[in-house]
Amino acid sequence: MDKDRVKGAVNDAAGRVKRQVGEWTGDTNAQVEGTAQQIKGKAQKAWGTVKDAARDANENMQRDRQQNDNQAERERQQREAEARRKEEQEHAHAGHNH
């Protein structure tokens, strides 16, 4: 989890508390500050989520590329093995005709 998501969650919660206390006490300044801190927290969480998604997409792309490379290598090895078997069969068959 990205650190911005964690910081954002903390700011969102702290802002919510500050706003609520401001509402209970009639302190409009605390309400405004709390709301602003909540907005900051929500933005931080969103940014962290975007960064997590980008990191996950990159990791998935790299994993998929590696899997594709591995599959291509296995297929190449299978083609080479099949070509050797065919060549050996043709060589053995040619030896029986003499």
N, C-alpha and C. Protein backbone atom coordinates (compact mmCIF):
# COMPACT_ATOMS: atom_id res chain seq x y z
N MET A 1 0.86 -1.18 0.00
CA MET A 1 0.00 0.00 0.00
C MET A 1 0.90 1.23 0.00
N ASP A 2 0.56 2.17 -0.83
CA ASP A 2 1.35 3.39 -0.95
C ASP A 2 1.24 4.25 0.31
N LYS A 3 2.35 4.90 0.66
CA LYS A 3 2.37 5.71 1.89
C LYS A 3 1.38 6.87 1.81
N ASP A 4 1.10 7.38 0.62
CA ASP A 4 0.12 8.46 0.50
C ASP A 4 -1.28 8.00 0.89
N ARG A 5 -1.58 6.74 0.63
CA ARG A 5 -2.89 6.22 1.05
C ARG A 5 -3.00 6.22 2.57
N VAL A 6 -1.91 5.84 3.23
CA VAL A 6 -1.90 5.81 4.70
C VAL A 6 -1.99 7.23 5.26
N LYS A 7 -1.15 8.11 4.74
CA LYS A 7 -1.18 9.51 5.21
C LYS A 7 -2.55 10.13 4.95
N GLY A 8 -3.11 9.81 3.80
CA GLY A 8 -4.42 10.34 3.47
C GLY A 8 -5.50 9.86 4.42
N ALA A 9 -5.43 8.59 4.77
CA ALA A 9 -6.41 8.04 5.72
C ALA A 9 -6.29 8.73 7.08
N VAL A 10 -5.05 8.99 7.49
CA VAL A 10 -4.83 9.67 8.77
C VAL A 10 -5.38 11.09 8.71
N ASN A 11 -5.06 11.82 7.64
CA ASN A 11 -5.56 13.19 7.50
C ASN A 11 -7.08 13.25 7.41
N ASP A 12 -7.65 12.31 6.70
CA ASP A 12 -9.11 12.26 6.57
C ASP A 12 -9.75 12.05 7.95
N ALA A 13 -9.23 11.08 8.70
CA ALA A 13 -9.79 10.78 10.02
C ALA A 13 -9.59 11.95 10.98
N ALA A 14 -8.37 12.52 10.98
CA ALA A 14 -8.09 13.64 11.88
C ALA A 14 -8.97 14.84 11.53
N GLY A 15 -9.15 15.07 10.25
CA GLY A 15 -10.01 16.17 9.82
C GLY A 15 -11.45 15.95 10.21
N ARG A 16 -11.89 14.72 10.11
CA ARG A 16 -13.27 14.40 10.50
C ARG A 16 -13.47 14.67 11.99
N VAL A 17 -12.50 14.26 12.79
CA VAL A 17 -12.58 14.49 14.24
C VAL A 17 -12.60 15.99 14.52
N LYS A 18 -11.68 16.73 13.89
CA LYS A 18 -11.58 18.17 14.12
C LYS A 18 -12.89 18.87 13.72
N ARG A 19 -13.44 18.46 12.57
CA ARG A 19 -14.70 19.06 12.11
C ARG A 19 -15.83 18.76 13.09
N GLN A 20 -15.89 17.50 13.54
CA GLN A 20 -16.96 17.10 14.45
C GLN A 20 -16.86 17.85 15.78
N VAL A 21 -15.66 17.97 16.29
CA VAL A 21 -15.47 18.71 17.54
C VAL A 21 -15.90 20.17 17.34
N GLY A 22 -15.55 20.73 16.19
CA GLY A 22 -15.96 22.10 15.88
C GLY A 22 -17.47 22.24 15.84
N GLU A 23 -18.14 21.22 15.28
CA GLU A 23 -19.61 21.25 15.25
C GLU A 23 -20.19 21.18 16.66
N TRP A 24 -19.62 20.32 17.49
CA TRP A 24 -20.13 20.17 18.85
C TRP A 24 -19.91 21.42 19.69
N THR A 25 -18.78 22.09 19.45
CA THR A 25 -18.44 23.26 20.27
C THR A 25 -18.87 24.57 19.64
N GLY A 26 -19.36 24.52 18.40
CA GLY A 26 -19.75 25.75 17.70
C GLY A 26 -18.56 26.52 17.16
N ASP A 27 -17.40 25.89 17.07
CA ASP A 27 -16.18 26.53 16.57
C ASP A 27 -16.13 26.37 15.05
N THR A 28 -16.58 27.42 14.34
CA THR A 28 -16.63 27.33 12.87
C THR A 28 -15.23 27.24 12.28
N ASN A 29 -14.24 27.85 12.91
CA ASN A 29 -12.87 27.76 12.40
C ASN A 29 -12.38 26.31 12.43
N ALA A 30 -12.65 25.60 13.51
CA ALA A 30 -12.27 24.19 13.61
C ALA A 30 -13.03 23.36 12.57
N GLN A 31 -14.28 23.73 12.33
CA GLN A 31 -15.06 23.01 11.31
C GLN A 31 -14.43 23.18 9.93
N VAL A 32 -14.04 24.41 9.61
CA VAL A 32 -13.44 24.70 8.30
C VAL A 32 -12.09 23.99 8.19
N GLU A 33 -11.27 24.09 9.24
CA GLU A 33 -9.96 23.42 9.21
C GLU A 33 -10.12 21.91 9.09
N GLY A 34 -11.08 21.36 9.81
CA GLY A 34 -11.32 19.92 9.75
C GLY A 34 -11.76 19.49 8.37
N THR A 35 -12.66 20.27 7.77
CA THR A 35 -13.13 19.95 6.42
C THR A 35 -11.97 20.01 5.43
N ALA A 36 -11.13 21.04 5.55
CA ALA A 36 -9.97 21.18 4.66
C ALA A 36 -9.02 19.99 4.83
N GLN A 37 -8.80 19.58 6.07
CA GLN A 37 -7.91 18.45 6.32
C GLN A 37 -8.51 17.15 5.75
N GLN A 38 -9.82 17.02 5.85
CA GLN A 38 -10.48 15.84 5.26
C GLN A 38 -10.28 15.82 3.75
N ILE A 39 -10.47 16.98 3.11
CA ILE A 39 -10.30 17.07 1.66
C ILE A 39 -8.87 16.70 1.28
N LYS A 40 -7.91 17.25 2.03
CA LYS A 40 -6.51 16.92 1.78
C LYS A 40 -6.29 15.41 1.92
N GLY A 41 -6.86 14.82 2.95
CA GLY A 41 -6.71 13.38 3.17
C GLY A 41 -7.32 12.56 2.05
N LYS A 42 -8.49 12.95 1.60
CA LYS A 42 -9.14 12.22 0.51
C LYS A 42 -8.31 12.32 -0.77
N ALA A 43 -7.74 13.50 -1.02
CA ALA A 43 -6.89 13.68 -2.21
C ALA A 43 -5.63 12.82 -2.10
N GLN A 44 -5.03 12.79 -0.91
CA GLN A 44 -3.84 11.95 -0.69
C GLN A 44 -4.16 10.48 -0.91
N LYS A 45 -5.29 10.04 -0.38
CA LYS A 45 -5.68 8.64 -0.55
C LYS A 45 -5.88 8.33 -2.04
N ALA A 46 -6.54 9.24 -2.75
CA ALA A 46 -6.77 9.02 -4.18
C ALA A 46 -5.45 8.94 -4.94
N TRP A 47 -4.53 9.84 -4.62
CA TRP A 47 -3.22 9.84 -5.28
C TRP A 47 -2.48 8.53 -4.97
N GLY A 48 -2.53 8.08 -3.75
CA GLY A 48 -1.90 6.82 -3.39
C GLY A 48 -2.52 5.64 -4.12
N THR A 49 -3.83 5.68 -4.29
CA THR A 49 -4.52 4.63 -5.02
C THR A 49 -4.07 4.60 -6.48
N VAL A 50 -3.94 5.78 -7.07
CA VAL A 50 -3.47 5.87 -8.47
C VAL A 50 -2.06 5.30 -8.58
N LYS A 51 -1.19 5.66 -7.62
CA LYS A 51 0.18 5.16 -7.66
C LYS A 51 0.22 3.64 -7.48
N ASP A 52 -0.62 3.12 -6.57
CA ASP A 52 -0.70 1.67 -6.39
C ASP A 52 -1.15 0.98 -7.68
N ALA A 53 -2.16 1.55 -8.32
CA ALA A 53 -2.68 0.95 -9.56
C ALA A 53 -1.62 0.96 -10.65
N ALA A 54 -0.88 2.06 -10.76
CA ALA A 54 0.18 2.14 -11.77
C ALA A 54 1.28 1.12 -11.48
N ARG A 55 1.65 0.99 -10.21
CA ARG A 55 2.69 0.03 -9.83
C ARG A 55 2.20 -1.40 -10.12
N ASP A 56 0.95 -1.68 -9.77
CA ASP A 56 0.40 -3.02 -10.02
C ASP A 56 0.36 -3.32 -11.51
N ALA A 57 -0.06 -2.34 -12.29
CA ALA A 57 -0.13 -2.54 -13.75
C ALA A 57 1.26 -2.81 -14.31
N ASN A 58 2.25 -2.09 -13.84
CA ASN A 58 3.62 -2.29 -14.31
C ASN A 58 4.13 -3.68 -13.92
N GLU A 59 3.86 -4.08 -12.68
CA GLU A 59 4.28 -5.41 -12.23
C GLU A 59 3.58 -6.50 -13.04
N ASN A 60 2.30 -6.32 -13.31
CA ASN A 60 1.56 -7.30 -14.10
C ASN A 60 2.11 -7.38 -15.52
N MET A 61 2.44 -6.22 -16.09
CA MET A 61 2.98 -6.19 -17.44
C MET A 61 4.33 -6.91 -17.49
N GLN A 62 5.17 -6.66 -16.50
CA GLN A 62 6.47 -7.33 -16.47
C GLN A 62 6.31 -8.83 -16.28
N ARG A 63 5.39 -9.24 -15.42
CA ARG A 63 5.14 -10.67 -15.20
C ARG A 63 4.63 -11.32 -16.48
N ASP A 64 3.69 -10.65 -17.15
CA ASP A 64 3.13 -11.20 -18.39
C ASP A 64 4.21 -11.30 -19.47
N ARG A 65 5.07 -10.29 -19.55
CA ARG A 65 6.16 -10.31 -20.54
C ARG A 65 7.09 -11.48 -20.25
N GLN A 66 7.41 -11.70 -18.98
CA GLN A 66 8.29 -12.82 -18.61
C GLN A 66 7.64 -14.16 -18.95
N GLN A 67 6.34 -14.27 -18.66
CA GLN A 67 5.62 -15.51 -18.98
C GLN A 67 5.61 -15.74 -20.49
N ASN A 68 5.40 -14.68 -21.27
CA ASN A 68 5.41 -14.81 -22.72
C ASN A 68 6.79 -15.21 -23.23
N ASP A 69 7.83 -14.61 -22.65
CA ASP A 69 9.19 -14.96 -23.04
C ASP A 69 9.47 -16.42 -22.71
N ASN A 70 9.04 -16.86 -21.53
CA ASN A 70 9.25 -18.25 -21.14
C ASN A 70 8.51 -19.20 -22.08
N GLN A 71 7.28 -18.85 -22.43
CA GLN A 71 6.49 -19.69 -23.33
C GLN A 71 7.14 -19.74 -24.71
N ALA A 72 7.62 -18.62 -25.19
CA ALA A 72 8.28 -18.58 -26.50
C ALA A 72 9.54 -19.44 -26.48
N GLU A 73 10.28 -19.40 -25.39
CA GLU A 73 11.49 -20.22 -25.27
C GLU A 73 11.14 -21.71 -25.24
N ARG A 74 10.09 -22.07 -24.52
CA ARG A 74 9.66 -23.48 -24.49
C ARG A 74 9.24 -23.94 -25.89
N GLU A 75 8.52 -23.10 -26.60
CA GLU A 75 8.08 -23.45 -27.95
C GLU A 75 9.28 -23.60 -28.89
N ARG A 76 10.27 -22.71 -28.75
CA ARG A 76 11.47 -22.80 -29.58
C ARG A 76 12.20 -24.11 -29.30
N GLN A 77 12.33 -24.46 -28.03
CA GLN A 77 13.00 -25.70 -27.66
C GLN A 77 12.24 -26.91 -28.19
N GLN A 78 10.91 -26.85 -28.15
CA GLN A 78 10.11 -27.96 -28.67
C GLN A 78 10.30 -28.11 -30.18
N ARG A 79 10.34 -26.98 -30.90
CA ARG A 79 10.56 -27.03 -32.35
C ARG A 79 11.93 -27.62 -32.67
N GLU A 80 12.94 -27.20 -31.91
CA GLU A 80 14.29 -27.74 -32.13
C GLU A 80 14.33 -29.24 -31.86
N ALA A 81 13.70 -29.66 -30.78
CA ALA A 81 13.68 -31.09 -30.44
C ALA A 81 12.95 -31.88 -31.52
N GLU A 82 11.85 -31.35 -32.01
CA GLU A 82 11.09 -32.02 -33.07
C GLU A 82 11.91 -32.10 -34.35
N ALA A 83 12.63 -31.03 -34.67
CA ALA A 83 13.47 -31.03 -35.86
C ALA A 83 14.59 -32.06 -35.73
N ARG A 84 15.18 -32.19 -34.54
CA ARG A 84 16.23 -33.20 -34.32
C ARG A 84 15.67 -34.61 -34.46
N ARG A 85 14.47 -34.83 -33.88
CA ARG A 85 13.85 -36.16 -33.99
C ARG A 85 13.57 -36.50 -35.45
N LYS A 86 13.07 -35.55 -36.17
CA LYS A 86 12.75 -35.78 -37.59
C LYS A 86 14.02 -36.07 -38.37
N GLU A 87 15.06 -35.31 -38.09
CA GLU A 87 16.34 -35.51 -38.77
C GLU A 87 16.91 -36.90 -38.43
N GLU A 88 16.81 -37.30 -37.16
CA GLU A 88 17.29 -38.62 -36.75
C GLU A 88 16.49 -39.72 -37.42
N GLN A 89 15.17 -39.53 -37.53
CA GLN A 89 14.33 -40.54 -38.18
C GLN A 89 14.68 -40.65 -39.66
N GLU A 90 14.89 -39.51 -40.30
CA GLU A 90 15.25 -39.54 -41.73
C GLU A 90 16.61 -40.19 -41.92
N HIS A 91 17.54 -39.89 -41.02
CA HIS A 91 18.88 -40.49 -41.10
C HIS A 91 18.80 -42.01 -40.89
N ALA A 92 17.99 -42.42 -39.90
CA ALA A 92 17.85 -43.85 -39.63
C ALA A 92 17.15 -44.54 -40.79
N HIS A 93 16.18 -43.90 -41.38
CA HIS A 93 15.44 -44.48 -42.51
C HIS A 93 16.35 -44.59 -43.72
N ALA A 94 17.20 -43.61 -43.95
CA ALA A 94 18.14 -43.64 -45.06
C ALA A 94 19.14 -44.75 -44.86
N GLY A 95 19.52 -45.05 -43.63
CA GLY A 95 20.48 -46.13 -43.35
C GLY A 95 19.89 -47.51 -43.64
N HIS A 96 18.59 -47.66 -43.52
CA HIS A 96 17.95 -48.96 -43.80
C HIS A 96 17.84 -49.23 -45.29
N ASN A 97 17.88 -48.21 -46.10
CA ASN A 97 17.76 -48.38 -47.56
C ASN A 97 19.05 -48.82 -48.20
N HIS A 98 20.17 -48.84 -47.51
CA HIS A 98 21.46 -49.20 -48.12
C HIS A 98 21.77 -50.63 -47.94
